[in-house]
Amino acid sequence: MKNAIKKFEGLKVLVIGDVMIDAYLIGYVERISPEAPVPVVAVERKEYRLGGAANVALNLVALGAKPILCSVIGEDLDGNDLLGLLENAGVSSSGIIRSKERQTTTKTRVMAQNHQMIRIDNEQTDVITDYDSYVLSQRIINDLLPAADVVLFEDYDKGVISQGLIEQIVLHAHKHKIKVVVDPKKRNFINYKGVDLFKPNLKELRDGFKKDADPSDVASFEMAVSDLMKVMELKNIMVTMSERGVMISDGIKFEYIPAHIRKIADVSGAGDTVISVASLCVALGLSNKEIAALSNLAGGLVCEEVGVVPININRLTEEAAKL
């Protein structure tokens, strides 16, 4: 697996999904407001970070790959800021479509004494217009897809991904013999038919398929997974199960990889890291067991860090050498 990590270098990944800016206003509680019984936070600094599918792209850059982000954002100031952040991070924005019909998603967190006081969301979560979806799909299919090594759907249920977009991209990707990897959410869960690797977590599996999947009851759990794979015609599925580790299956063989015992600081962003590593492993044609083991390892490593941070490839390589 250590040698596989070296081969991540230069792999082209189309990352399709909802992108956003995570803004942080960081300071301290100065006093209680005389206007209302709420704290007044004196802001000392502001930070702007990439979020959503863009965080997956950051992980891919950290792994040596070349992500191309494909999404729809607004023709607004936040959209300008987002494109600037992408450029600074070395992420290609050639798949980004700007729309007058859309607002760039921005989540602003007010932080004081290391605690989040409030979060303010500026976003649209309705599905993008048919026109914007058409423009996005044509940009991907005609300009970007033929040169890709793997396609990754990073779905945050914010409206960029629709059933029609999924069907078109999966169809054309498979025509080019390019594999498709998915990190799903509830709205489009059942629409990702025929993909090569489907990666829900336990909650997403239960909510999306509307079946009680309890890994402590192995027989019923595997039956639920098998049923889902048949309904969706999935090639492979990997279910992340927090402290239980991960399960990966091709519908016949079920592999369980236990979680690594670590000092957990923050689980934020772990799923983004897992799918990033998994997509590159799929592009290289690694076995299911290798995909699950390396992805699980990477997810555990980022949980040792505070906040949403990309994977450190040196640490991943060192830990992989021990497996």
Protein backbone atom coordinates (compact mmCIF):
# COMPACT_ATOMS: atom_id res chain seq x y z
CA MET A 1 0.00 0.00 0.00
CA LYS A 2 2.96 2.30 0.57
CA ASN A 3 3.85 1.90 -3.11
CA ALA A 4 0.25 2.60 -4.11
CA ILE A 5 0.39 5.99 -2.37
CA LYS A 6 3.33 6.96 -4.59
CA LYS A 7 1.15 6.28 -7.64
CA PHE A 8 -1.45 8.84 -6.49
CA GLU A 9 0.81 11.53 -7.96
CA GLY A 10 -0.78 13.20 -10.96
CA LEU A 11 -4.04 11.24 -11.04
CA LYS A 12 -6.84 13.39 -12.47
CA VAL A 13 -10.05 13.34 -10.44
CA LEU A 14 -13.28 15.02 -11.47
CA VAL A 15 -14.93 16.09 -8.21
CA ILE A 16 -18.60 16.83 -8.82
CA GLY A 17 -20.68 18.34 -6.03
CA ASP A 18 -21.66 21.21 -3.80
CA VAL A 19 -18.91 23.67 -2.89
CA MET A 20 -18.93 26.34 -0.22
CA ILE A 21 -16.92 28.82 1.78
CA ASP A 22 -16.46 28.21 5.50
CA ALA A 23 -15.91 31.61 7.09
CA TYR A 24 -14.69 32.01 10.68
CA LEU A 25 -14.91 35.17 12.78
CA ILE A 26 -12.59 34.50 15.69
CA GLY A 27 -12.33 36.58 18.85
CA TYR A 28 -13.40 36.75 22.46
CA VAL A 29 -16.52 37.60 24.46
CA GLU A 30 -16.08 41.22 25.45
CA ARG A 31 -19.32 41.82 27.36
CA ILE A 32 -23.07 41.16 27.37
CA SER A 33 -24.94 43.39 24.95
CA PRO A 34 -27.11 46.15 26.49
CA GLU A 35 -29.56 45.60 23.62
CA ALA A 36 -30.36 41.97 24.44
CA PRO A 37 -29.02 39.23 26.77
CA VAL A 38 -26.48 38.01 24.22
CA PRO A 39 -22.67 38.08 24.25
CA VAL A 40 -20.78 40.66 22.22
CA VAL A 41 -17.83 39.00 20.44
CA ALA A 42 -14.87 41.23 19.66
CA VAL A 43 -13.47 39.82 16.40
CA GLU A 44 -9.67 39.56 16.29
CA ARG A 45 -9.29 37.83 12.94
CA LYS A 46 -11.21 36.36 10.02
CA GLU A 47 -10.49 33.10 8.23
CA TYR A 48 -11.95 31.81 4.97
CA ARG A 49 -11.65 28.15 4.06
CA LEU A 50 -12.93 25.86 1.33
CA GLY A 51 -15.77 23.55 2.30
CA GLY A 52 -18.01 20.84 0.89
CA ALA A 53 -16.69 19.13 -2.22
CA ALA A 54 -13.84 21.65 -2.24
CA ASN A 55 -12.49 20.08 0.96
CA VAL A 56 -12.34 16.76 -0.86
CA ALA A 57 -10.33 18.52 -3.55
CA LEU A 58 -7.92 19.82 -0.89
CA ASN A 59 -7.35 16.26 0.33
CA LEU A 60 -6.66 15.13 -3.23
CA VAL A 61 -4.10 17.90 -3.70
CA ALA A 62 -2.43 16.85 -0.44
CA LEU A 63 -2.23 13.30 -1.81
CA GLY A 64 -0.50 14.48 -4.98
CA ALA A 65 -3.50 14.13 -7.28
CA LYS A 66 -4.93 16.75 -9.64
CA PRO A 67 -8.59 17.43 -8.79
CA ILE A 68 -10.86 19.34 -11.13
CA LEU A 69 -13.80 20.78 -9.24
CA CYS A 70 -17.16 20.71 -11.04
CA SER A 71 -20.01 22.71 -9.52
CA VAL A 72 -22.34 25.70 -9.87
CA ILE A 73 -21.78 28.86 -7.84
CA GLY A 74 -23.22 32.37 -7.90
CA GLU A 75 -22.13 35.44 -9.82
CA ASP A 76 -21.51 37.16 -6.49
CA LEU A 77 -18.67 38.40 -4.30
CA ASP A 78 -18.60 35.13 -2.35
CA GLY A 79 -18.16 33.33 -5.66
CA ASN A 80 -15.17 35.54 -6.44
CA ASP A 81 -13.69 34.70 -3.04
CA LEU A 82 -14.27 30.99 -3.58
CA LEU A 83 -12.45 31.03 -6.93
CA GLY A 84 -9.58 32.88 -5.28
CA LEU A 85 -9.34 30.26 -2.55
CA LEU A 86 -9.30 27.49 -5.16
CA GLU A 87 -6.50 29.19 -7.09
CA ASN A 88 -4.43 29.65 -3.93
CA ALA A 89 -4.95 25.98 -3.06
CA GLY A 90 -3.88 24.73 -6.48
CA VAL A 91 -7.32 23.32 -7.33
CA SER A 92 -8.53 23.62 -10.93
CA SER A 93 -11.82 25.48 -11.26
CA SER A 94 -12.29 24.64 -14.96
CA GLY A 95 -15.45 22.72 -14.07
CA ILE A 96 -17.03 25.60 -12.14
CA ILE A 97 -20.10 27.22 -13.69
CA ARG A 98 -21.23 30.66 -12.51
CA SER A 99 -24.96 31.37 -12.52
CA LYS A 100 -27.10 34.44 -11.97
CA GLU A 101 -29.75 32.09 -10.61
CA ARG A 102 -27.53 30.82 -7.81
CA GLN A 103 -26.10 32.06 -4.52
CA THR A 104 -22.64 30.89 -3.47
CA THR A 105 -23.01 28.90 -0.27
CA THR A 106 -21.24 30.51 2.69
CA LYS A 107 -21.31 29.29 6.27
CA THR A 108 -20.08 31.84 8.81
CA ARG A 109 -19.11 30.68 12.29
CA VAL A 110 -18.56 33.12 15.15
CA MET A 111 -15.94 31.68 17.51
CA ALA A 112 -14.99 32.91 20.99
CA GLN A 113 -12.72 31.23 23.55
CA ASN A 114 -12.52 28.19 21.21
CA HIS A 115 -16.30 27.77 21.26
CA GLN A 116 -18.73 28.28 18.41
CA MET A 117 -21.24 30.91 19.45
CA ILE A 118 -23.45 30.89 16.36
CA ARG A 119 -23.42 29.81 12.71
CA ILE A 120 -25.00 31.83 9.91
CA ASP A 121 -25.77 30.06 6.63
CA ASN A 122 -26.25 31.89 3.33
CA GLU A 123 -27.31 29.27 0.80
CA GLN A 124 -29.79 27.92 -1.70
CA THR A 125 -30.60 24.22 -1.40
CA ASP A 126 -33.16 23.88 -4.18
CA VAL A 127 -31.99 21.97 -7.26
CA ILE A 128 -30.15 24.10 -9.83
CA THR A 129 -32.07 25.11 -12.95
CA ASP A 130 -32.29 22.75 -15.91
CA TYR A 131 -30.21 25.20 -17.92
CA ASP A 132 -27.40 25.35 -15.33
CA SER A 133 -27.47 21.56 -15.02
CA TYR A 134 -27.19 21.25 -18.81
CA VAL A 135 -24.25 23.66 -18.98
CA LEU A 136 -22.48 21.81 -16.16
CA SER A 137 -23.05 18.37 -17.69
CA GLN A 138 -21.83 19.49 -21.12
CA ARG A 139 -18.70 21.07 -19.63
CA ILE A 140 -17.94 17.80 -17.83
CA ILE A 141 -18.81 15.40 -20.67
CA ASN A 142 -17.23 17.31 -23.56
CA ASP A 143 -14.26 19.05 -21.97
CA LEU A 144 -13.18 17.27 -18.81
CA LEU A 145 -14.30 13.65 -18.63
CA PRO A 146 -12.19 12.10 -21.42
CA ALA A 147 -8.91 12.94 -19.65
CA ALA A 148 -10.02 11.91 -16.14
CA ASP A 149 -8.74 8.88 -14.22
CA VAL A 150 -11.79 8.68 -11.94
CA VAL A 151 -15.05 10.54 -11.27
CA LEU A 152 -16.03 11.38 -7.69
CA PHE A 153 -19.53 12.56 -6.74
CA GLU A 154 -19.35 14.44 -3.44
CA ASP A 155 -23.00 15.08 -2.58
CA TYR A 156 -23.96 17.53 0.18
CA ASP A 157 -27.67 17.80 -0.72
CA LYS A 158 -27.29 21.46 -1.67
CA GLY A 159 -28.84 21.14 -5.13
CA VAL A 160 -25.97 20.90 -7.62
CA ILE A 161 -26.40 17.16 -8.17
CA SER A 162 -29.63 15.83 -9.69
CA GLN A 163 -30.79 12.46 -10.97
CA GLY A 164 -30.41 13.59 -14.57
CA LEU A 165 -26.85 14.81 -14.02
CA ILE A 166 -25.92 11.56 -12.29
CA GLU A 167 -27.31 9.39 -15.09
CA GLN A 168 -25.53 11.36 -17.82
CA ILE A 169 -22.15 11.43 -16.10
CA VAL A 170 -22.21 7.74 -15.10
CA LEU A 171 -23.21 6.73 -18.63
CA HIS A 172 -20.45 8.72 -20.32
CA ALA A 173 -17.82 7.83 -17.71
CA HIS A 174 -18.41 4.12 -18.28
CA LYS A 175 -18.29 4.67 -22.06
CA HIS A 176 -14.77 5.99 -21.49
CA LYS A 177 -14.07 3.09 -19.08
CA ILE A 178 -13.66 5.57 -16.22
CA LYS A 179 -14.81 4.42 -12.80
CA VAL A 180 -17.27 6.37 -10.67
CA VAL A 181 -17.04 6.75 -6.89
CA VAL A 182 -19.82 8.26 -4.75
CA ASP A 183 -20.10 9.82 -1.30
CA PRO A 184 -23.92 10.09 -1.10
CA LYS A 185 -26.54 12.00 0.83
CA LYS A 186 -30.25 11.33 1.26
CA ARG A 187 -31.85 13.27 -1.62
CA ASN A 188 -30.09 11.42 -4.46
CA PHE A 189 -29.18 8.29 -2.52
CA ILE A 190 -31.04 5.78 -4.66
CA ASN A 191 -30.16 7.54 -7.95
CA TYR A 192 -26.50 6.48 -8.10
CA LYS A 193 -27.22 3.30 -10.02
CA GLY A 194 -24.41 1.24 -11.50
CA VAL A 195 -21.52 3.12 -9.88
CA ASP A 196 -18.23 1.39 -9.13
CA LEU A 197 -17.90 2.31 -5.45
CA PHE A 198 -20.70 3.65 -3.25
CA LYS A 199 -19.63 4.94 0.19
CA PRO A 200 -22.42 5.75 2.63
CA ASN A 201 -21.96 5.88 6.38
CA LEU A 202 -24.33 3.92 8.59
CA LYS A 203 -26.79 6.78 9.05
CA GLU A 204 -26.88 7.51 5.34
CA LEU A 205 -27.41 3.82 4.62
CA ARG A 206 -30.37 3.65 7.00
CA ASP A 207 -31.92 6.96 5.92
CA GLY A 208 -31.33 6.52 2.20
CA PHE A 209 -32.40 2.88 1.83
CA LYS A 210 -34.95 3.08 4.64
CA LYS A 211 -33.83 -0.18 6.19
CA ASP A 212 -32.47 -0.81 9.66
CA ALA A 213 -28.88 -1.89 9.03
CA ASP A 214 -27.26 -2.94 12.32
CA PRO A 215 -23.67 -4.23 11.93
CA SER A 216 -23.91 -5.98 15.32
CA ASP A 217 -26.33 -8.39 13.60
CA VAL A 218 -23.98 -9.47 10.82
CA ALA A 219 -26.44 -11.64 8.90
CA SER A 220 -29.21 -9.01 8.67
CA PHE A 221 -26.68 -6.23 8.01
CA GLU A 222 -25.14 -8.08 5.08
CA MET A 223 -28.60 -8.95 3.75
CA ALA A 224 -29.58 -5.26 3.80
CA VAL A 225 -26.36 -4.32 2.02
CA SER A 226 -26.89 -7.07 -0.58
CA ASP A 227 -30.46 -5.87 -1.18
CA LEU A 228 -29.23 -2.32 -1.73
CA MET A 229 -26.53 -3.47 -4.14
CA LYS A 230 -29.08 -5.41 -6.20
CA VAL A 231 -31.58 -2.55 -6.31
CA MET A 232 -28.91 -0.03 -7.32
CA GLU A 233 -26.81 -2.42 -9.43
CA LEU A 234 -23.71 -1.37 -7.51
CA LYS A 235 -20.34 -2.86 -8.36
CA ASN A 236 -18.95 -2.33 -4.84
CA ILE A 237 -20.04 -0.70 -1.61
CA MET A 238 -18.02 0.58 1.36
CA VAL A 239 -19.88 1.47 4.55
CA THR A 240 -18.05 3.58 7.13
CA MET A 241 -19.11 2.69 10.67
CA SER A 242 -17.22 5.09 13.00
CA GLU A 243 -15.64 3.12 15.85
CA ARG A 244 -16.52 -0.16 14.11
CA GLY A 245 -14.27 0.65 11.16
CA VAL A 246 -15.43 -0.03 7.61
CA MET A 247 -17.07 -2.79 5.61
CA ILE A 248 -16.49 -3.25 1.89
CA SER A 249 -18.20 -5.71 -0.41
CA ASP A 250 -18.60 -6.68 -4.05
CA GLY A 251 -21.92 -8.32 -3.22
CA ILE A 252 -20.32 -11.72 -2.70
CA LYS A 253 -17.43 -11.24 -0.32
CA PHE A 254 -17.70 -9.00 2.76
CA GLU A 255 -14.48 -7.55 4.20
CA TYR A 256 -14.40 -5.86 7.61
CA ILE A 257 -11.54 -3.52 8.53
CA PRO A 258 -11.52 -2.53 12.22
CA ALA A 259 -10.97 1.06 13.29
CA HIS A 260 -7.47 1.97 14.43
CA ILE A 261 -7.19 2.88 18.11
CA ARG A 262 -6.32 6.56 18.16
CA LYS A 263 -6.63 9.66 20.30
CA ILE A 264 -9.64 11.29 18.63
CA ALA A 265 -9.51 15.08 18.61
CA ASP A 266 -12.10 15.91 15.95
CA VAL A 267 -14.01 13.74 13.44
CA SER A 268 -14.85 16.73 11.19
CA GLY A 269 -13.79 16.12 7.60
CA ALA A 270 -12.89 12.46 8.11
CA GLY A 271 -15.46 11.35 5.54
CA ASP A 272 -13.94 13.70 2.95
CA THR A 273 -10.53 12.16 3.54
CA VAL A 274 -11.86 8.61 3.31
CA ILE A 275 -13.58 9.17 -0.05
CA SER A 276 -10.55 11.04 -1.41
CA VAL A 277 -8.22 8.13 -0.71
CA ALA A 278 -10.81 5.59 -1.86
CA SER A 279 -11.27 7.33 -5.21
CA LEU A 280 -7.54 7.23 -5.93
CA CYS A 281 -7.33 3.58 -4.91
CA VAL A 282 -10.21 2.78 -7.27
CA ALA A 283 -8.45 4.66 -10.09
CA LEU A 284 -5.37 2.48 -9.53
CA GLY A 285 -7.44 -0.71 -9.56
CA LEU A 286 -6.52 -1.81 -6.03
CA SER A 287 -8.38 -4.67 -4.37
CA ASN A 288 -11.38 -3.97 -2.16
CA LYS A 289 -9.42 -4.92 0.94
CA GLU A 290 -6.62 -2.49 0.04
CA ILE A 291 -9.13 0.28 -0.73
CA ALA A 292 -10.86 -0.14 2.62
CA ALA A 293 -7.67 -0.51 4.64
CA LEU A 294 -5.95 2.57 3.23
CA SER A 295 -9.10 4.73 3.33
CA ASN A 296 -9.82 3.66 6.92
CA LEU A 297 -6.25 4.45 7.92
CA ALA A 298 -6.42 7.93 6.38
CA GLY A 299 -9.75 8.71 8.05
CA GLY A 300 -8.32 7.76 11.43
CA LEU A 301 -5.26 9.96 10.97
CA VAL A 302 -7.24 13.16 10.29
CA CYS A 303 -9.37 12.49 13.38
CA GLU A 304 -6.24 13.14 15.45
CA GLU A 305 -6.20 16.74 14.20
CA VAL A 306 -8.39 19.59 15.43
CA GLY A 307 -10.64 21.08 12.78
CA VAL A 308 -11.10 20.14 9.13
CA VAL A 309 -7.63 19.53 7.76
CA PRO A 310 -6.40 17.60 4.68
CA ILE A 311 -4.55 14.34 5.12
CA ASN A 312 -0.77 14.49 5.60
CA ILE A 313 0.66 12.22 2.91
CA ASN A 314 3.93 11.64 4.79
CA ARG A 315 2.11 10.36 7.86
CA LEU A 316 -0.17 8.25 5.70
CA THR A 317 2.83 6.70 3.95
CA GLU A 318 4.57 5.99 7.26
CA GLU A 319 1.46 4.37 8.76
CA ALA A 320 0.72 2.40 5.60
CA ALA A 321 4.21 0.90 5.73
CA LYS A 322 3.35 -0.59 9.14
CA LEU A 323 0.20 -2.37 7.94
